[in-house]
């Protein structure tokens, strides 16, 4: 692994590296340690697993990391996943971290380490983080993506209020199969007096992916438009036309009945 890193970083600009030692646990890459003869066995991995919190403060972790690579054997990668989960939970590493892992034998792993050193984007992002127990969190799986708006289906929708809506926060393989951590929307009706309800602290829950379906995004409510008095009081063209038409009709009818006007004038007494 070290030879692959040095070969692909000839100017010595190595990325931030943290090493997992079977004897010492997690240590900084520049720390000098004495040679030892100890292997990473399942028993030793279990011992380190129960004492991971000590390494949160004792090791210098990259504060601004956006992309990391987990490299090593099976037990090493398992402990690294657990450690990353603890660091994310503690806020030391970001929740939107992009994580890649090596696969295959040692030759293929060394090749992947070299590719990552040259160009981190050359390896696929397989995980979006880990639970504290090491369970990988996926960005996209089973037809869903983190951030999707979803609705409950099946037995979860057969309620008086109908389906519930929420947003996917995590995707992972749970004890009962594909699982999503969903933050549900507050679907309570508004108060009768019109006052806003006090927001609930959290509506998160684990739901089986088979009980979820994608839902449309909520339409944003548009702000009411202020009325312009001048524009709201403009005369309507059709009414003005009708008014003119009625005036013209009176003039026409008056010209067609001149004798009525003469009789009216004759009947009126003169004023002297």
Foldseek 3Di string as FASTA:
>chain_A
DVVLQCVLCVVPPGDFDWDQDLPPGIEGPPDDDDDDDDDNDPVSLVVCLVVLVVCLPVYDDDQPAQEDEQEDDDSSSQSVQLNQQVCCVVVSYPQQHFYYYFDDDPVSRSVVVNVCSNPVVVTHRAASGAHNNRFGWGQDDPHDGQFFKKWFADPCQPDPVGIWIFGFHTWTQDPVGTKTWTWTDDPDDADPVRDGDDDDPTRIDIDHPVGMDTDDDDDDDDDDDDDDVVVVPDDDPVVVVVVVVVVVVVVVVCVVCVVVVVVVVVVDDDDD
